[in-house]
PDB file of N, CA and C in Angstrom:
ATOM      1  N   MET A   1      24.730   2.840   4.408  1.00  0.00           N
ATOM      2  CA  MET A   1      23.538   2.311   3.783  1.00  0.00           C
ATOM      3  C   MET A   1      22.305   2.944   4.432  1.00  0.00           C
ATOM      4  N   GLN A   2      21.392   3.347   3.612  1.00  0.00           N
ATOM      5  CA  GLN A   2      20.181   3.988   4.112  1.00  0.00           C
ATOM      6  C   GLN A   2      19.148   2.939   4.510  1.00  0.00           C
ATOM      7  N   SER A   3      18.348   3.297   5.512  1.00  0.00           N
ATOM      8  CA  SER A   3      17.250   2.404   5.880  1.00  0.00           C
ATOM      9  C   SER A   3      16.129   2.558   4.856  1.00  0.00           C
ATOM     10  N   ASP A   4      15.208   1.610   4.862  1.00  0.00           N
ATOM     11  CA  ASP A   4      14.080   1.665   3.931  1.00  0.00           C
ATOM     12  C   ASP A   4      13.281   2.952   4.112  1.00  0.00           C
ATOM     13  N   GLN A   5      13.063   3.338   5.349  1.00  0.00           N
ATOM     14  CA  GLN A   5      12.284   4.554   5.622  1.00  0.00           C
ATOM     15  C   GLN A   5      13.013   5.798   5.112  1.00  0.00           C
ATOM     16  N   ASP A   6      14.315   5.838   5.276  1.00  0.00           N
ATOM     17  CA  ASP A   6      15.099   6.976   4.778  1.00  0.00           C
ATOM     18  C   ASP A   6      15.001   7.081   3.260  1.00  0.00           C
ATOM     19  N   ARG A   7      15.057   5.948   2.589  1.00  0.00           N
ATOM     20  CA  ARG A   7      14.960   5.950   1.138  1.00  0.00           C
ATOM     21  C   ARG A   7      13.585   6.420   0.684  1.00  0.00           C
ATOM     22  N   LEU A   8      12.545   5.995   1.366  1.00  0.00           N
ATOM     23  CA  LEU A   8      11.193   6.452   1.045  1.00  0.00           C
ATOM     24  C   LEU A   8      11.063   7.960   1.239  1.00  0.00           C
ATOM     25  N   GLU A   9      11.534   8.443   2.369  1.00  0.00           N
ATOM     26  CA  GLU A   9      11.450   9.876   2.663  1.00  0.00           C
ATOM     27  C   GLU A   9      12.237  10.690   1.645  1.00  0.00           C
ATOM     28  N   HIS A  10      13.409  10.205   1.257  1.00  0.00           N
ATOM     29  CA  HIS A  10      14.218  10.919   0.280  1.00  0.00           C
ATOM     30  C   HIS A  10      13.521  10.963  -1.082  1.00  0.00           C
ATOM     31  N   ALA A  11      12.967   9.837  -1.512  1.00  0.00           N
ATOM     32  CA  ALA A  11      12.264   9.790  -2.797  1.00  0.00           C
ATOM     33  C   ALA A  11      11.073  10.741  -2.797  1.00  0.00           C
ATOM     34  N   ARG A  12      10.354  10.774  -1.702  1.00  0.00           N
ATOM     35  CA  ARG A  12       9.197  11.680  -1.613  1.00  0.00           C
ATOM     36  C   ARG A  12       9.647  13.134  -1.612  1.00  0.00           C
ATOM     37  N   ALA A  13      10.711  13.446  -0.889  1.00  0.00           N
ATOM     38  CA  ALA A  13      11.215  14.829  -0.829  1.00  0.00           C
ATOM     39  C   ALA A  13      11.698  15.291  -2.198  1.00  0.00           C
ATOM     40  N   VAL A  14      12.357  14.404  -2.939  1.00  0.00           N
ATOM     41  CA  VAL A  14      12.833  14.759  -4.281  1.00  0.00           C
ATOM     42  C   VAL A  14      11.641  15.041  -5.189  1.00  0.00           C
ATOM     43  N   TRP A  15      10.630  14.185  -5.140  1.00  0.00           N
ATOM     44  CA  TRP A  15       9.437  14.379  -5.972  1.00  0.00           C
ATOM     45  C   TRP A  15       8.716  15.678  -5.618  1.00  0.00           C
ATOM     46  N   GLU A  16       8.488  15.910  -4.332  1.00  0.00           N
ATOM     47  CA  GLU A  16       7.798  17.129  -3.909  1.00  0.00           C
ATOM     48  C   GLU A  16       8.621  18.372  -4.232  1.00  0.00           C
ATOM     49  N   GLY A  17       9.933  18.304  -4.061  1.00  0.00           N
ATOM     50  CA  GLY A  17      10.800  19.425  -4.403  1.00  0.00           C
ATOM     51  C   GLY A  17      10.739  19.746  -5.878  1.00  0.00           C
ATOM     52  N   HIS A  18      10.698  18.714  -6.696  1.00  0.00           N
ATOM     53  CA  HIS A  18      10.588  18.929  -8.139  1.00  0.00           C
ATOM     54  C   HIS A  18       9.281  19.641  -8.477  1.00  0.00           C
ATOM     55  N   LEU A  19       8.197  19.209  -7.874  1.00  0.00           N
ATOM     56  CA  LEU A  19       6.903  19.835  -8.157  1.00  0.00           C
ATOM     57  C   LEU A  19       6.914  21.318  -7.807  1.00  0.00           C
ATOM     58  N   ARG A  20       7.629  21.679  -6.749  1.00  0.00           N
ATOM     59  CA  ARG A  20       7.683  23.089  -6.339  1.00  0.00           C
ATOM     60  C   ARG A  20       8.583  23.928  -7.235  1.00  0.00           C
ATOM     61  N   THR A  21       9.638  23.342  -7.775  1.00  0.00           N
ATOM     62  CA  THR A  21      10.636  24.131  -8.490  1.00  0.00           C
ATOM     63  C   THR A  21      10.564  24.030 -10.009  1.00  0.00           C
ATOM     64  N   CYS A  22       9.893  23.026 -10.525  1.00  0.00           N
ATOM     65  CA  CYS A  22       9.806  22.842 -11.972  1.00  0.00           C
ATOM     66  C   CYS A  22       8.848  23.866 -12.576  1.00  0.00           C
ATOM     67  N   ARG A  23       9.295  24.560 -13.581  1.00  0.00           N
ATOM     68  CA  ARG A  23       8.462  25.568 -14.233  1.00  0.00           C
ATOM     69  C   ARG A  23       7.217  24.941 -14.852  1.00  0.00           C
ATOM     70  N   SER A  24       7.378  23.803 -15.486  1.00  0.00           N
ATOM     71  CA  SER A  24       6.239  23.129 -16.121  1.00  0.00           C
ATOM     72  C   SER A  24       5.220  22.649 -15.104  1.00  0.00           C
ATOM     73  N   CYS A  25       5.693  22.060 -14.022  1.00  0.00           N
ATOM     74  CA  CYS A  25       4.782  21.521 -13.006  1.00  0.00           C
ATOM     75  C   CYS A  25       4.087  22.638 -12.221  1.00  0.00           C
ATOM     76  N   ALA A  26       4.823  23.689 -11.894  1.00  0.00           N
ATOM     77  CA  ALA A  26       4.260  24.780 -11.100  1.00  0.00           C
ATOM     78  C   ALA A  26       3.317  25.646 -11.927  1.00  0.00           C
ATOM     79  N   GLY A  27       3.546  25.731 -13.242  1.00  0.00           N
ATOM     80  CA  GLY A  27       2.775  26.636 -14.072  1.00  0.00           C
ATOM     81  C   GLY A  27       1.504  26.056 -14.644  1.00  0.00           C
ATOM     82  N   SER A  28       1.347  24.764 -14.578  1.00  0.00           N
ATOM     83  CA  SER A  28       0.150  24.163 -15.165  1.00  0.00           C
ATOM     84  C   SER A  28      -0.478  23.191 -14.180  1.00  0.00           C
ATOM     85  N   SER A  29      -1.621  22.701 -14.564  1.00  0.00           N
ATOM     86  CA  SER A  29      -2.291  21.746 -13.691  1.00  0.00           C
ATOM     87  C   SER A  29      -1.737  20.340 -13.858  1.00  0.00           C
ATOM     88  N   GLY A  30      -0.947  20.115 -14.901  1.00  0.00           N
ATOM     89  CA  GLY A  30      -0.369  18.801 -15.154  1.00  0.00           C
ATOM     90  C   GLY A  30       1.039  18.708 -14.619  1.00  0.00           C
ATOM     91  N   THR A  31       1.633  17.537 -14.786  1.00  0.00           N
ATOM     92  CA  THR A  31       3.012  17.336 -14.364  1.00  0.00           C
ATOM     93  C   THR A  31       3.851  16.951 -15.576  1.00  0.00           C
ATOM     94  N   CYS A  32       5.126  17.270 -15.520  1.00  0.00           N
ATOM     95  CA  CYS A  32       6.041  16.947 -16.615  1.00  0.00           C
ATOM     96  C   CYS A  32       6.466  15.484 -16.516  1.00  0.00           C
ATOM     97  N   GLN A  33       7.174  15.022 -17.529  1.00  0.00           N
ATOM     98  CA  GLN A  33       7.624  13.633 -17.562  1.00  0.00           C
ATOM     99  C   GLN A  33       8.585  13.306 -16.420  1.00  0.00           C
ATOM    100  N   SER A  34       9.424  14.258 -16.049  1.00  0.00           N
ATOM    101  CA  SER A  34      10.353  14.023 -14.935  1.00  0.00           C
ATOM    102  C   SER A  34       9.591  13.789 -13.642  1.00  0.00           C
ATOM    103  N   ALA A  35       8.555  14.573 -13.401  1.00  0.00           N
ATOM    104  CA  ALA A  35       7.748  14.410 -12.192  1.00  0.00           C
ATOM    105  C   ALA A  35       7.056  13.053 -12.191  1.00  0.00           C
ATOM    106  N   LYS A  36       6.582  12.631 -13.339  1.00  0.00           N
ATOM    107  CA  LYS A  36       5.923  11.326 -13.431  1.00  0.00           C
ATOM    108  C   LYS A  36       6.908  10.200 -13.120  1.00  0.00           C
ATOM    109  N   LEU A  37       8.127  10.323 -13.615  1.00  0.00           N
ATOM    110  CA  LEU A  37       9.149   9.313 -13.342  1.00  0.00           C
ATOM    111  C   LEU A  37       9.515   9.285 -11.856  1.00  0.00           C
ATOM    112  N   LEU A  38       9.673  10.464 -11.258  1.00  0.00           N
ATOM    113  CA  LEU A  38       9.987  10.531  -9.831  1.00  0.00           C
ATOM    114  C   LEU A  38       8.858   9.938  -8.995  1.00  0.00           C
ATOM    115  N   ARG A  39       7.620  10.205  -9.386  1.00  0.00           N
ATOM    116  CA  ARG A  39       6.468   9.656  -8.658  1.00  0.00           C
ATOM    117  C   ARG A  39       6.427   8.139  -8.786  1.00  0.00           C
ATOM    118  N   ARG A  40       6.711   7.632  -9.982  1.00  0.00           N
ATOM    119  CA  ARG A  40       6.741   6.173 -10.181  1.00  0.00           C
ATOM    120  C   ARG A  40       7.811   5.528  -9.308  1.00  0.00           C
ATOM    121  N   SER A  41       8.962   6.173  -9.218  1.00  0.00           N
ATOM    122  CA  SER A  41      10.042   5.646  -8.378  1.00  0.00           C
ATOM    123  C   SER A  41       9.614   5.597  -6.920  1.00  0.00           C
ATOM    124  N   TYR A  42       8.989   6.677  -6.452  1.00  0.00           N
ATOM    125  CA  TYR A  42       8.501   6.719  -5.072  1.00  0.00           C
ATOM    126  C   TYR A  42       7.445   5.637  -4.840  1.00  0.00           C
ATOM    127  N   ASN A  43       6.513   5.499  -5.779  1.00  0.00           N
ATOM    128  CA  ASN A  43       5.464   4.492  -5.631  1.00  0.00           C
ATOM    129  C   ASN A  43       6.037   3.081  -5.604  1.00  0.00           C
ATOM    130  N   SER A  44       7.055   2.828  -6.406  1.00  0.00           N
ATOM    131  CA  SER A  44       7.684   1.511  -6.415  1.00  0.00           C
ATOM    132  C   SER A  44       8.333   1.196  -5.072  1.00  0.00           C
ATOM    133  N   LEU A  45       9.029   2.179  -4.503  1.00  0.00           N
ATOM    134  CA  LEU A  45       9.638   1.987  -3.183  1.00  0.00           C
ATOM    135  C   LEU A  45       8.564   1.777  -2.124  1.00  0.00           C
ATOM    136  N   LEU A  46       7.497   2.543  -2.204  1.00  0.00           N
ATOM    137  CA  LEU A  46       6.408   2.429  -1.239  1.00  0.00           C
ATOM    138  C   LEU A  46       5.743   1.062  -1.336  1.00  0.00           C
ATOM    139  N   ARG A  47       5.507   0.603  -2.544  1.00  0.00           N
ATOM    140  CA  ARG A  47       4.891  -0.706  -2.761  1.00  0.00           C
ATOM    141  C   ARG A  47       5.792  -1.819  -2.226  1.00  0.00           C
ATOM    142  N   ALA A  48       7.081  -1.719  -2.483  1.00  0.00           N
ATOM    143  CA  ALA A  48       8.020  -2.730  -1.999  1.00  0.00           C
ATOM    144  C   ALA A  48       8.059  -2.756  -0.472  1.00  0.00           C
ATOM    145  N   ALA A  49       8.006  -1.598   0.138  1.00  0.00           N
ATOM    146  CA  ALA A  49       8.027  -1.523   1.600  1.00  0.00           C
ATOM    147  C   ALA A  49       6.720  -2.038   2.181  1.00  0.00           C
ATOM    148  N   GLY A  50       5.604  -1.771   1.509  1.00  0.00           N
ATOM    149  CA  GLY A  50       4.293  -2.206   1.989  1.00  0.00           C
ATOM    150  C   GLY A  50       4.086  -3.703   1.866  1.00  0.00           C
ATOM    151  N   ASP A  51       4.755  -4.314   0.913  1.00  0.00           N
ATOM    152  CA  ASP A  51       4.638  -5.755   0.716  1.00  0.00           C
ATOM    153  C   ASP A  51       5.456  -6.523   1.734  1.00  0.00           C
ATOM    154  N   GLY A  52       6.212  -5.827   2.532  1.00  0.00           N
ATOM    155  CA  GLY A  52       7.056  -6.495   3.498  1.00  0.00           C
ATOM    156  C   GLY A  52       8.364  -6.961   2.894  1.00  0.00           C
ATOM    157  N   GLY A  53       8.502  -6.748   1.598  1.00  0.00           N
ATOM    158  CA  GLY A  53       9.736  -7.138   0.930  1.00  0.00           C
ATOM    159  C   GLY A  53      10.797  -6.089   1.141  1.00  0.00           C
ATOM    160  N   ARG A  54      12.022  -6.487   0.936  1.00  0.00           N
ATOM    161  CA  ARG A  54      13.118  -5.534   1.065  1.00  0.00           C
ATOM    162  C   ARG A  54      13.177  -4.670  -0.182  1.00  0.00           C
ATOM    163  N   LEU A  55      13.540  -3.425   0.005  1.00  0.00           N
ATOM    164  CA  LEU A  55      13.697  -2.527  -1.124  1.00  0.00           C
ATOM    165  C   LEU A  55      14.958  -2.896  -1.885  1.00  0.00           C
ATOM    166  N   PRO A  56      14.971  -2.661  -3.200  1.00  0.00           N
ATOM    167  CA  PRO A  56      16.176  -2.973  -3.967  1.00  0.00           C
ATOM    168  C   PRO A  56      17.360  -2.116  -3.508  1.00  0.00           C
ATOM    169  N   GLU A  57      18.539  -2.713  -3.550  1.00  0.00           N
ATOM    170  CA  GLU A  57      19.740  -1.998  -3.127  1.00  0.00           C
ATOM    171  C   GLU A  57      20.073  -0.894  -4.122  1.00  0.00           C
ATOM    172  N   ALA A  58      20.514   0.235  -3.620  1.00  0.00           N
ATOM    173  CA  ALA A  58      20.932   1.350  -4.472  1.00  0.00           C
ATOM    174  C   ALA A  58      22.429   1.235  -4.711  1.00  0.00           C
ATOM    175  N   ASN A  59      22.802   0.775  -5.881  1.00  0.00           N
ATOM    176  CA  ASN A  59      24.213   0.596  -6.213  1.00  0.00           C
ATOM    177  C   ASN A  59      24.783   1.753  -6.981  1.00  0.00           C
ATOM    178  N   ALA A  60      23.958   2.664  -7.405  1.00  0.00           N
ATOM    179  CA  ALA A  60      24.429   3.784  -8.211  1.00  0.00           C
ATOM    180  C   ALA A  60      24.839   4.941  -7.345  1.00  0.00           C
TER     181      ALA A  60
END
């Protein structure tokens, strides 16, 4: 089981990696729908951690 901090770091790394490797994100000033979804996921984890609440369990 990953710690909350590990999950946050992983979500951020996935989002940043996508921005670097995605043709749509790297080629324009905007971001693609996948990047927006990854960012929302990261923000949700960050918000949950900041509220002092436990992050949801990853069952998948």
